[in-house]
Amino acid sequence: MAFISVAFALGNALGPQLFQAKDAPEYTPARVTLLASQIAAAFLCVLVHLYYRTENARRDRRSQAQPAILSAEEKWGNLTDKENRSFRYVY
Protein backbone atom coordinates (compact mmCIF):
# COMPACT_ATOMS: atom_id res chain seq x y z
CA MET A 1 0.00 0.00 0.00
CA ALA A 2 2.87 2.35 0.72
CA PHE A 3 4.30 1.79 -2.76
CA ILE A 4 0.92 2.50 -4.36
CA SER A 5 0.52 5.68 -2.30
CA VAL A 6 3.98 6.92 -3.28
CA ALA A 7 3.38 6.10 -6.96
CA PHE A 8 0.03 7.90 -6.84
CA ALA A 9 1.59 10.99 -5.28
CA LEU A 10 4.46 11.03 -7.79
CA GLY A 11 2.05 10.61 -10.69
CA ASN A 12 -0.06 13.51 -9.49
CA ALA A 13 2.99 15.71 -9.02
CA LEU A 14 4.80 14.82 -12.25
CA GLY A 15 1.88 14.20 -14.58
CA PRO A 16 0.99 17.82 -15.28
CA GLN A 17 4.64 18.60 -15.97
CA LEU A 18 4.59 16.24 -18.97
CA PHE A 19 2.05 18.27 -20.92
CA GLN A 20 4.01 21.35 -21.99
CA ALA A 21 2.56 23.97 -24.36
CA LYS A 22 5.63 23.70 -26.60
CA ASP A 23 4.76 20.03 -27.33
CA ALA A 24 1.18 20.79 -28.47
CA PRO A 25 -0.79 19.36 -30.20
CA GLU A 26 0.91 15.93 -30.26
CA TYR A 27 2.40 15.97 -26.75
CA THR A 28 4.90 13.29 -27.79
CA PRO A 29 6.99 13.28 -24.57
CA ALA A 30 3.82 12.86 -22.50
CA ARG A 31 2.53 10.05 -24.71
CA VAL A 32 5.85 8.19 -24.55
CA THR A 33 6.05 8.60 -20.77
CA LEU A 34 2.47 7.44 -20.25
CA LEU A 35 2.96 4.43 -22.52
CA ALA A 36 6.19 3.49 -20.74
CA SER A 37 4.53 3.75 -17.32
CA GLN A 38 1.63 1.57 -18.45
CA ILE A 39 4.02 -1.06 -19.83
CA ALA A 40 5.98 -1.00 -16.56
CA ALA A 41 2.75 -1.41 -14.57
CA ALA A 42 1.70 -4.39 -16.70
CA PHE A 43 5.15 -5.95 -16.28
CA LEU A 44 4.97 -5.51 -12.50
CA CYS A 45 1.51 -7.13 -12.45
CA VAL A 46 2.91 -10.16 -14.27
CA LEU A 47 5.83 -10.36 -11.84
CA VAL A 48 3.52 -10.20 -8.81
CA HIS A 49 1.29 -12.87 -10.35
CA LEU A 50 4.26 -15.18 -10.87
CA TYR A 51 5.49 -14.56 -7.32
CA TYR A 52 2.06 -15.37 -5.87
CA ARG A 53 1.79 -18.59 -7.89
CA THR A 54 5.29 -19.67 -6.87
CA GLU A 55 4.74 -18.83 -3.22
CA ASN A 56 1.37 -20.63 -3.12
CA ALA A 57 2.92 -23.73 -4.71
CA ARG A 58 5.77 -23.66 -2.18
CA ARG A 59 3.34 -23.36 0.71
CA ASP A 60 1.20 -26.18 -0.70
CA ARG A 61 4.24 -28.46 -0.96
CA ARG A 62 5.29 -27.59 2.57
CA SER A 63 1.81 -28.21 4.00
CA GLN A 64 1.57 -31.62 2.26
CA ALA A 65 4.93 -32.71 3.60
CA GLN A 66 4.15 -31.40 7.05
CA PRO A 67 0.41 -31.10 7.77
CA ALA A 68 -0.12 -28.19 10.09
CA ILE A 69 -2.60 -28.19 12.91
CA LEU A 70 -3.35 -24.55 13.38
CA SER A 71 -3.56 -23.12 16.85
CA ALA A 72 -6.12 -20.50 17.82
CA GLU A 73 -3.36 -17.89 17.59
CA GLU A 74 -2.62 -18.88 14.01
CA LYS A 75 -6.29 -18.94 13.04
CA TRP A 76 -7.41 -15.72 14.68
CA GLY A 77 -4.19 -13.94 15.59
CA ASN A 78 -2.95 -10.79 13.99
CA LEU A 79 -0.39 -12.58 11.79
CA THR A 80 1.17 -11.40 8.56
CA ASP A 81 1.16 -13.43 5.37
CA LYS A 82 4.70 -14.59 6.15
CA GLU A 83 3.81 -15.74 9.68
CA ASN A 84 0.53 -17.50 8.88
CA ARG A 85 1.40 -20.94 7.47
CA SER A 86 -2.08 -21.49 6.00
CA PHE A 87 -2.28 -18.15 4.17
CA ARG A 88 -2.61 -18.35 0.37
CA TYR A 89 -2.39 -15.44 -2.03
CA VAL A 90 -5.36 -14.77 -4.31
CA TYR A 91 -4.62 -13.55 -7.82
PDB file of N, CA and C in Angstrom:
ATOM      1  N   MET A   1       0.817  -1.186   0.000  1.00  0.00           N
ATOM      2  CA  MET A   1       0.000   0.000   0.000  1.00  0.00           C
ATOM      3  C   MET A   1       0.865   1.256   0.000  1.00  0.00           C
ATOM      4  N   ALA A   2       1.980   1.186   0.688  1.00  0.00           N
ATOM      5  CA  ALA A   2       2.865   2.345   0.719  1.00  0.00           C
ATOM      6  C   ALA A   2       3.410   2.649  -0.675  1.00  0.00           C
ATOM      7  N   PHE A   3       3.770   1.600  -1.406  1.00  0.00           N
ATOM      8  CA  PHE A   3       4.295   1.792  -2.756  1.00  0.00           C
ATOM      9  C   PHE A   3       3.234   2.412  -3.659  1.00  0.00           C
ATOM     10  N   ILE A   4       2.006   1.963  -3.540  1.00  0.00           N
ATOM     11  CA  ILE A   4       0.916   2.502  -4.355  1.00  0.00           C
ATOM     12  C   ILE A   4       0.676   3.970  -3.999  1.00  0.00           C
ATOM     13  N   SER A   5       0.719   4.286  -2.722  1.00  0.00           N
ATOM     14  CA  SER A   5       0.524   5.676  -2.303  1.00  0.00           C
ATOM     15  C   SER A   5       1.626   6.588  -2.829  1.00  0.00           C
ATOM     16  N   VAL A   6       2.856   6.119  -2.771  1.00  0.00           N
ATOM     17  CA  VAL A   6       3.982   6.915  -3.284  1.00  0.00           C
ATOM     18  C   VAL A   6       3.859   7.086  -4.797  1.00  0.00           C
ATOM     19  N   ALA A   7       3.530   6.017  -5.505  1.00  0.00           N
ATOM     20  CA  ALA A   7       3.380   6.096  -6.961  1.00  0.00           C
ATOM     21  C   ALA A   7       2.246   7.047  -7.335  1.00  0.00           C
ATOM     22  N   PHE A   8       1.156   7.006  -6.594  1.00  0.00           N
ATOM     23  CA  PHE A   8       0.030   7.900  -6.842  1.00  0.00           C
ATOM     24  C   PHE A   8       0.438   9.360  -6.643  1.00  0.00           C
ATOM     25  N   ALA A   9       1.154   9.626  -5.565  1.00  0.00           N
ATOM     26  CA  ALA A   9       1.592  10.987  -5.283  1.00  0.00           C
ATOM     27  C   ALA A   9       2.566  11.482  -6.348  1.00  0.00           C
ATOM     28  N   LEU A  10       3.504  10.640  -6.744  1.00  0.00           N
ATOM     29  CA  LEU A  10       4.455  11.034  -7.790  1.00  0.00           C
ATOM     30  C   LEU A  10       3.754  11.281  -9.119  1.00  0.00           C
ATOM     31  N   GLY A  11       2.800  10.429  -9.452  1.00  0.00           N
ATOM     32  CA  GLY A  11       2.050  10.610 -10.691  1.00  0.00           C
ATOM     33  C   GLY A  11       1.278  11.912 -10.702  1.00  0.00           C
ATOM     34  N   ASN A  12       0.679  12.251  -9.568  1.00  0.00           N
ATOM     35  CA  ASN A  12      -0.056  13.511  -9.491  1.00  0.00           C
ATOM     36  C   ASN A  12       0.868  14.717  -9.542  1.00  0.00           C
ATOM     37  N   ALA A  13       2.053  14.594  -9.014  1.00  0.00           N
ATOM     38  CA  ALA A  13       2.994  15.713  -9.022  1.00  0.00           C
ATOM     39  C   ALA A  13       3.677  15.876 -10.383  1.00  0.00           C
ATOM     40  N   LEU A  14       4.043  14.756 -11.005  1.00  0.00           N
ATOM     41  CA  LEU A  14       4.801  14.823 -12.255  1.00  0.00           C
ATOM     42  C   LEU A  14       3.935  14.844 -13.507  1.00  0.00           C
ATOM     43  N   GLY A  15       2.752  14.295 -13.419  1.00  0.00           N
ATOM     44  CA  GLY A  15       1.876  14.197 -14.582  1.00  0.00           C
ATOM     45  C   GLY A  15       1.636  15.515 -15.300  1.00  0.00           C
ATOM     46  N   PRO A  16       1.226  16.553 -14.593  1.00  0.00           N
ATOM     47  CA  PRO A  16       0.985  17.825 -15.279  1.00  0.00           C
ATOM     48  C   PRO A  16       2.238  18.428 -15.914  1.00  0.00           C
ATOM     49  N   GLN A  17       3.401  18.062 -15.417  1.00  0.00           N
ATOM     50  CA  GLN A  17       4.644  18.604 -15.973  1.00  0.00           C
ATOM     51  C   GLN A  17       4.955  18.005 -17.345  1.00  0.00           C
ATOM     52  N   LEU A  18       4.323  16.882 -17.688  1.00  0.00           N
ATOM     53  CA  LEU A  18       4.585  16.237 -18.971  1.00  0.00           C
ATOM     54  C   LEU A  18       3.920  16.961 -20.132  1.00  0.00           C
ATOM     55  N   PHE A  19       2.817  17.611 -19.868  1.00  0.00           N
ATOM     56  CA  PHE A  19       2.053  18.266 -20.924  1.00  0.00           C
ATOM     57  C   PHE A  19       2.454  19.736 -21.014  1.00  0.00           C
ATOM     58  N   GLN A  20       3.481  19.993 -21.805  1.00  0.00           N
ATOM     59  CA  GLN A  20       4.006  21.348 -21.991  1.00  0.00           C
ATOM     60  C   GLN A  20       3.389  21.962 -23.248  1.00  0.00           C
ATOM     61  N   ALA A  21       3.160  23.267 -23.222  1.00  0.00           N
ATOM     62  CA  ALA A  21       2.564  23.971 -24.360  1.00  0.00           C
ATOM     63  C   ALA A  21       3.433  23.846 -25.607  1.00  0.00           C
ATOM     64  N   LYS A  22       4.738  23.793 -25.436  1.00  0.00           N
ATOM     65  CA  LYS A  22       5.633  23.703 -26.599  1.00  0.00           C
ATOM     66  C   LYS A  22       5.478  22.382 -27.349  1.00  0.00           C
ATOM     67  N   ASP A  23       4.926  21.343 -26.701  1.00  0.00           N
ATOM     68  CA  ASP A  23       4.759  20.035 -27.333  1.00  0.00           C
ATOM     69  C   ASP A  23       3.395  19.871 -28.000  1.00  0.00           C
ATOM     70  N   ALA A  24       2.525  20.871 -27.897  1.00  0.00           N
ATOM     71  CA  ALA A  24       1.176  20.792 -28.471  1.00  0.00           C
ATOM     72  C   ALA A  24       1.282  20.709 -29.981  1.00  0.00           C
ATOM     73  N   PRO A  25       0.381  20.091 -30.664  1.00  0.00           N
ATOM     74  CA  PRO A  25      -0.791  19.359 -30.199  1.00  0.00           C
ATOM     75  C   PRO A  25      -0.536  17.860 -30.012  1.00  0.00           C
ATOM     76  N   GLU A  26       0.663  17.375 -30.358  1.00  0.00           N
ATOM     77  CA  GLU A  26       0.909  15.930 -30.255  1.00  0.00           C
ATOM     78  C   GLU A  26       1.265  15.475 -28.846  1.00  0.00           C
ATOM     79  N   TYR A  27       1.951  16.317 -28.104  1.00  0.00           N
ATOM     80  CA  TYR A  27       2.404  15.972 -26.747  1.00  0.00           C
ATOM     81  C   TYR A  27       3.168  14.640 -26.731  1.00  0.00           C
ATOM     82  N   THR A  28       4.133  14.533 -27.630  1.00  0.00           N
ATOM     83  CA  THR A  28       4.896  13.291 -27.790  1.00  0.00           C
ATOM     84  C   THR A  28       5.619  12.860 -26.513  1.00  0.00           C
ATOM     85  N   PRO A  29       6.329  13.733 -25.800  1.00  0.00           N
ATOM     86  CA  PRO A  29       6.985  13.276 -24.568  1.00  0.00           C
ATOM     87  C   PRO A  29       5.989  12.725 -23.541  1.00  0.00           C
ATOM     88  N   ALA A  30       4.841  13.341 -23.446  1.00  0.00           N
ATOM     89  CA  ALA A  30       3.824  12.863 -22.500  1.00  0.00           C
ATOM     90  C   ALA A  30       3.294  11.508 -22.931  1.00  0.00           C
ATOM     91  N   ARG A  31       3.036  11.340 -24.213  1.00  0.00           N
ATOM     92  CA  ARG A  31       2.532  10.050 -24.707  1.00  0.00           C
ATOM     93  C   ARG A  31       3.546   8.934 -24.464  1.00  0.00           C
ATOM     94  N   VAL A  32       4.802   9.205 -24.741  1.00  0.00           N
ATOM     95  CA  VAL A  32       5.850   8.194 -24.548  1.00  0.00           C
ATOM     96  C   VAL A  32       5.970   7.832 -23.070  1.00  0.00           C
ATOM     97  N   THR A  33       5.941   8.839 -22.214  1.00  0.00           N
ATOM     98  CA  THR A  33       6.053   8.596 -20.772  1.00  0.00           C
ATOM     99  C   THR A  33       4.859   7.809 -20.257  1.00  0.00           C
ATOM    100  N   LEU A  34       3.660   8.164 -20.682  1.00  0.00           N
ATOM    101  CA  LEU A  34       2.466   7.438 -20.247  1.00  0.00           C
ATOM    102  C   LEU A  34       2.480   5.992 -20.739  1.00  0.00           C
ATOM    103  N   LEU A  35       2.884   5.794 -21.987  1.00  0.00           N
ATOM    104  CA  LEU A  35       2.962   4.433 -22.523  1.00  0.00           C
ATOM    105  C   LEU A  35       3.996   3.613 -21.759  1.00  0.00           C
ATOM    106  N   ALA A  36       5.142   4.206 -21.484  1.00  0.00           N
ATOM    107  CA  ALA A  36       6.189   3.490 -20.739  1.00  0.00           C
ATOM    108  C   ALA A  36       5.720   3.139 -19.338  1.00  0.00           C
ATOM    109  N   SER A  37       5.013   4.043 -18.679  1.00  0.00           N
ATOM    110  CA  SER A  37       4.534   3.748 -17.320  1.00  0.00           C
ATOM    111  C   SER A  37       3.474   2.658 -17.333  1.00  0.00           C
ATOM    112  N   GLN A  38       2.636   2.616 -18.355  1.00  0.00           N
ATOM    113  CA  GLN A  38       1.626   1.567 -18.455  1.00  0.00           C
ATOM    114  C   GLN A  38       2.275   0.204 -18.735  1.00  0.00           C
ATOM    115  N   ILE A  39       3.298   0.190 -19.562  1.00  0.00           N
ATOM    116  CA  ILE A  39       4.025  -1.056 -19.827  1.00  0.00           C
ATOM    117  C   ILE A  39       4.721  -1.536 -18.558  1.00  0.00           C
ATOM    118  N   ALA A  40       5.321  -0.625 -17.816  1.00  0.00           N
ATOM    119  CA  ALA A  40       5.978  -0.999 -16.561  1.00  0.00           C
ATOM    120  C   ALA A  40       4.964  -1.541 -15.560  1.00  0.00           C
ATOM    121  N   ALA A  41       3.785  -0.932 -15.488  1.00  0.00           N
ATOM    122  CA  ALA A  41       2.749  -1.408 -14.573  1.00  0.00           C
ATOM    123  C   ALA A  41       2.286  -2.811 -14.960  1.00  0.00           C
ATOM    124  N   ALA A  42       2.103  -3.063 -16.241  1.00  0.00           N
ATOM    125  CA  ALA A  42       1.699  -4.393 -16.700  1.00  0.00           C
ATOM    126  C   ALA A  42       2.775  -5.426 -16.380  1.00  0.00           C
ATOM    127  N   PHE A  43       4.031  -5.058 -16.582  1.00  0.00           N
ATOM    128  CA  PHE A  43       5.147  -5.949 -16.280  1.00  0.00           C
ATOM    129  C   PHE A  43       5.185  -6.281 -14.786  1.00  0.00           C
ATOM    130  N   LEU A  44       4.988  -5.274 -13.946  1.00  0.00           N
ATOM    131  CA  LEU A  44       4.973  -5.511 -12.500  1.00  0.00           C
ATOM    132  C   LEU A  44       3.799  -6.407 -12.093  1.00  0.00           C
ATOM    133  N   CYS A  45       2.661  -6.253 -12.742  1.00  0.00           N
ATOM    134  CA  CYS A  45       1.514  -7.131 -12.453  1.00  0.00           C
ATOM    135  C   CYS A  45       1.843  -8.581 -12.789  1.00  0.00           C
ATOM    136  N   VAL A  46       2.513  -8.805 -13.898  1.00  0.00           N
ATOM    137  CA  VAL A  46       2.907 -10.161 -14.273  1.00  0.00           C
ATOM    138  C   VAL A  46       3.904 -10.727 -13.262  1.00  0.00           C
ATOM    139  N   LEU A  47       4.861  -9.909 -12.834  1.00  0.00           N
ATOM    140  CA  LEU A  47       5.835 -10.360 -11.836  1.00  0.00           C
ATOM    141  C   LEU A  47       5.163 -10.722 -10.515  1.00  0.00           C
ATOM    142  N   VAL A  48       4.230  -9.910 -10.064  1.00  0.00           N
ATOM    143  CA  VAL A  48       3.524 -10.196  -8.813  1.00  0.00           C
ATOM    144  C   VAL A  48       2.699 -11.474  -8.956  1.00  0.00           C
ATOM    145  N   HIS A  49       2.062 -11.653 -10.092  1.00  0.00           N
ATOM    146  CA  HIS A  49       1.291 -12.868 -10.347  1.00  0.00           C
ATOM    147  C   HIS A  49       2.193 -14.109 -10.266  1.00  0.00           C
ATOM    148  N   LEU A  50       3.332 -14.049 -10.901  1.00  0.00           N
ATOM    149  CA  LEU A  50       4.259 -15.182 -10.867  1.00  0.00           C
ATOM    150  C   LEU A  50       4.769 -15.448  -9.456  1.00  0.00           C
ATOM    151  N   TYR A  51       5.048 -14.392  -8.717  1.00  0.00           N
ATOM    152  CA  TYR A  51       5.492 -14.556  -7.325  1.00  0.00           C
ATOM    153  C   TYR A  51       4.405 -15.225  -6.495  1.00  0.00           C
ATOM    154  N   TYR A  52       3.169 -14.774  -6.633  1.00  0.00           N
ATOM    155  CA  TYR A  52       2.061 -15.367  -5.868  1.00  0.00           C
ATOM    156  C   TYR A  52       1.879 -16.843  -6.215  1.00  0.00           C
ATOM    157  N   ARG A  53       1.930 -17.183  -7.500  1.00  0.00           N
ATOM    158  CA  ARG A  53       1.792 -18.590  -7.893  1.00  0.00           C
ATOM    159  C   ARG A  53       2.914 -19.435  -7.307  1.00  0.00           C
ATOM    160  N   THR A  54       4.140 -18.937  -7.395  1.00  0.00           N
ATOM    161  CA  THR A  54       5.291 -19.668  -6.874  1.00  0.00           C
ATOM    162  C   THR A  54       5.199 -19.840  -5.361  1.00  0.00           C
ATOM    163  N   GLU A  55       4.835 -18.776  -4.674  1.00  0.00           N
ATOM    164  CA  GLU A  55       4.739 -18.828  -3.216  1.00  0.00           C
ATOM    165  C   GLU A  55       3.607 -19.759  -2.773  1.00  0.00           C
ATOM    166  N   ASN A  56       2.466 -19.721  -3.456  1.00  0.00           N
ATOM    167  CA  ASN A  56       1.366 -20.632  -3.119  1.00  0.00           C
ATOM    168  C   ASN A  56       1.772 -22.085  -3.337  1.00  0.00           C
ATOM    169  N   ALA A  57       2.470 -22.359  -4.436  1.00  0.00           N
ATOM    170  CA  ALA A  57       2.923 -23.726  -4.708  1.00  0.00           C
ATOM    171  C   ALA A  57       3.910 -24.189  -3.637  1.00  0.00           C
ATOM    172  N   ARG A  58       4.807 -23.312  -3.226  1.00  0.00           N
ATOM    173  CA  ARG A  58       5.769 -23.656  -2.183  1.00  0.00           C
ATOM    174  C   ARG A  58       5.053 -23.954  -0.868  1.00  0.00           C
ATOM    175  N   ARG A  59       4.082 -23.139  -0.532  1.00  0.00           N
ATOM    176  CA  ARG A  59       3.336 -23.356   0.706  1.00  0.00           C
ATOM    177  C   ARG A  59       2.502 -24.631   0.638  1.00  0.00           C
ATOM    178  N   ASP A  60       1.957 -24.935  -0.540  1.00  0.00           N
ATOM    179  CA  ASP A  60       1.196 -26.177  -0.698  1.00  0.00           C
ATOM    180  C   ASP A  60       2.103 -27.397  -0.517  1.00  0.00           C
ATOM    181  N   ARG A  61       3.295 -27.349  -1.122  1.00  0.00           N
ATOM    182  CA  ARG A  61       4.238 -28.464  -0.960  1.00  0.00           C
ATOM    183  C   ARG A  61       4.634 -28.636   0.498  1.00  0.00           C
ATOM    184  N   ARG A  62       4.886 -27.531   1.170  1.00  0.00           N
ATOM    185  CA  ARG A  62       5.293 -27.589   2.570  1.00  0.00           C
ATOM    186  C   ARG A  62       4.162 -28.138   3.448  1.00  0.00           C
ATOM    187  N   SER A  63       2.929 -27.751   3.169  1.00  0.00           N
ATOM    188  CA  SER A  63       1.806 -28.209   3.997  1.00  0.00           C
ATOM    189  C   SER A  63       1.505 -29.683   3.737  1.00  0.00           C
ATOM    190  N   GLN A  64       1.769 -30.200   2.536  1.00  0.00           N
ATOM    191  CA  GLN A  64       1.571 -31.624   2.256  1.00  0.00           C
ATOM    192  C   GLN A  64       2.629 -32.459   2.956  1.00  0.00           C
ATOM    193  N   ALA A  65       3.846 -31.970   2.965  1.00  0.00           N
ATOM    194  CA  ALA A  65       4.928 -32.708   3.601  1.00  0.00           C
ATOM    195  C   ALA A  65       4.807 -32.665   5.116  1.00  0.00           C
ATOM    196  N   GLN A  66       4.225 -31.610   5.614  1.00  0.00           N
ATOM    197  CA  GLN A  66       4.153 -31.405   7.053  1.00  0.00           C
ATOM    198  C   GLN A  66       2.780 -30.809   7.377  1.00  0.00           C
ATOM    199  N   PRO A  67       1.748 -31.640   7.506  1.00  0.00           N
ATOM    200  CA  PRO A  67       0.414 -31.103   7.774  1.00  0.00           C
ATOM    201  C   PRO A  67       0.407 -30.290   9.060  1.00  0.00           C
ATOM    202  N   ALA A  68      -0.134 -29.105   8.950  1.00  0.00           N
ATOM    203  CA  ALA A  68      -0.122 -28.188  10.089  1.00  0.00           C
ATOM    204  C   ALA A  68      -1.465 -28.213  10.797  1.00  0.00           C
ATOM    205  N   ILE A  69      -1.411 -28.353  12.089  1.00  0.00           N
ATOM    206  CA  ILE A  69      -2.597 -28.195  12.912  1.00  0.00           C
ATOM    207  C   ILE A  69      -2.509 -26.780  13.470  1.00  0.00           C
ATOM    208  N   LEU A  70      -3.420 -25.957  13.029  1.00  0.00           N
ATOM    209  CA  LEU A  70      -3.352 -24.549  13.380  1.00  0.00           C
ATOM    210  C   LEU A  70      -3.865 -24.305  14.787  1.00  0.00           C
ATOM    211  N   SER A  71      -3.132 -23.515  15.512  1.00  0.00           N
ATOM    212  CA  SER A  71      -3.558 -23.117  16.847  1.00  0.00           C
ATOM    213  C   SER A  71      -4.548 -21.954  16.721  1.00  0.00           C
ATOM    214  N   ALA A  72      -5.190 -21.626  17.821  1.00  0.00           N
ATOM    215  CA  ALA A  72      -6.123 -20.501  17.822  1.00  0.00           C
ATOM    216  C   ALA A  72      -5.398 -19.205  17.466  1.00  0.00           C
ATOM    217  N   GLU A  73      -4.147 -19.084  17.915  1.00  0.00           N
ATOM    218  CA  GLU A  73      -3.357 -17.885  17.590  1.00  0.00           C
ATOM    219  C   GLU A  73      -3.134 -17.774  16.087  1.00  0.00           C
ATOM    220  N   GLU A  74      -2.849 -18.907  15.451  1.00  0.00           N
ATOM    221  CA  GLU A  74      -2.621 -18.883  14.010  1.00  0.00           C
ATOM    222  C   GLU A  74      -3.916 -18.622  13.240  1.00  0.00           C
ATOM    223  N   LYS A  75      -5.023 -19.144  13.728  1.00  0.00           N
ATOM    224  CA  LYS A  75      -6.290 -18.943  13.036  1.00  0.00           C
ATOM    225  C   LYS A  75      -6.802 -17.512  13.181  1.00  0.00           C
ATOM    226  N   TRP A  76      -6.756 -16.992  14.396  1.00  0.00           N
ATOM    227  CA  TRP A  76      -7.406 -15.720  14.676  1.00  0.00           C
ATOM    228  C   TRP A  76      -6.437 -14.623  15.097  1.00  0.00           C
ATOM    229  N   GLY A  77      -5.172 -14.940  15.168  1.00  0.00           N
ATOM    230  CA  GLY A  77      -4.188 -13.945  15.595  1.00  0.00           C
ATOM    231  C   GLY A  77      -3.936 -12.908  14.518  1.00  0.00           C
ATOM    232  N   ASN A  78      -3.287 -11.875  14.904  1.00  0.00           N
ATOM    233  CA  ASN A  78      -2.950 -10.794  13.990  1.00  0.00           C
ATOM    234  C   ASN A  78      -1.605 -11.126  13.339  1.00  0.00           C
ATOM    235  N   LEU A  79      -1.610 -12.109  12.422  1.00  0.00           N
ATOM    236  CA  LEU A  79      -0.386 -12.584  11.787  1.00  0.00           C
ATOM    237  C   LEU A  79      -0.267 -12.031  10.372  1.00  0.00           C
ATOM    238  N   THR A  80       0.946 -11.830   9.932  1.00  0.00           N
ATOM    239  CA  THR A  80       1.172 -11.396   8.557  1.00  0.00           C
ATOM    240  C   THR A  80       1.113 -12.605   7.626  1.00  0.00           C
ATOM    241  N   ASP A  81       1.177 -12.338   6.339  1.00  0.00           N
ATOM    242  CA  ASP A  81       1.156 -13.433   5.372  1.00  0.00           C
ATOM    243  C   ASP A  81       2.388 -14.323   5.502  1.00  0.00           C
ATOM    244  N   LYS A  82       3.493 -13.779   5.976  1.00  0.00           N
ATOM    245  CA  LYS A  82       4.704 -14.586   6.152  1.00  0.00           C
ATOM    246  C   LYS A  82       4.623 -15.456   7.408  1.00  0.00           C
ATOM    247  N   GLU A  83       3.910 -14.999   8.424  1.00  0.00           N
ATOM    248  CA  GLU A  83       3.812 -15.738   9.681  1.00  0.00           C
ATOM    249  C   GLU A  83       2.725 -16.813   9.662  1.00  0.00           C
ATOM    250  N   ASN A  84       1.654 -16.576   8.922  1.00  0.00           N
ATOM    251  CA  ASN A  84       0.529 -17.500   8.876  1.00  0.00           C
ATOM    252  C   ASN A  84       0.818 -18.602   7.863  1.00  0.00           C
ATOM    253  N   ARG A  85       1.012 -19.824   8.343  1.00  0.00           N
ATOM    254  CA  ARG A  85       1.398 -20.938   7.470  1.00  0.00           C
ATOM    255  C   ARG A  85       0.285 -21.358   6.519  1.00  0.00           C
ATOM    256  N   SER A  86      -0.972 -21.069   6.846  1.00  0.00           N
ATOM    257  CA  SER A  86      -2.082 -21.490   5.996  1.00  0.00           C
ATOM    258  C   SER A  86      -2.539 -20.403   5.029  1.00  0.00           C
ATOM    259  N   PHE A  87      -1.884 -19.256   5.047  1.00  0.00           N
ATOM    260  CA  PHE A  87      -2.277 -18.154   4.168  1.00  0.00           C
ATOM    261  C   PHE A  87      -1.924 -18.495   2.733  1.00  0.00           C
ATOM    262  N   ARG A  88      -2.863 -18.193   1.806  1.00  0.00           N
ATOM    263  CA  ARG A  88      -2.614 -18.346   0.366  1.00  0.00           C
ATOM    264  C   ARG A  88      -2.968 -17.038  -0.316  1.00  0.00           C
ATOM    265  N   TYR A  89      -2.143 -16.649  -1.259  1.00  0.00           N
ATOM    266  CA  TYR A  89      -2.388 -15.438  -2.027  1.00  0.00           C
ATOM    267  C   TYR A  89      -3.504 -15.703  -3.039  1.00  0.00           C
ATOM    268  N   VAL A  90      -4.307 -14.691  -3.306  1.00  0.00           N
ATOM    269  CA  VAL A  90      -5.358 -14.766  -4.313  1.00  0.00           C
ATOM    270  C   VAL A  90      -4.950 -13.845  -5.450  1.00  0.00           C
ATOM    271  N   TYR A  91      -5.011 -14.352  -6.663  1.00  0.00           N
ATOM    272  CA  TYR A  91      -4.622 -13.548  -7.819  1.00  0.00           C
ATOM    273  C   TYR A  91      -5.605 -13.731  -8.939  1.00  0.00           C
TER     274      TYR A  91
END
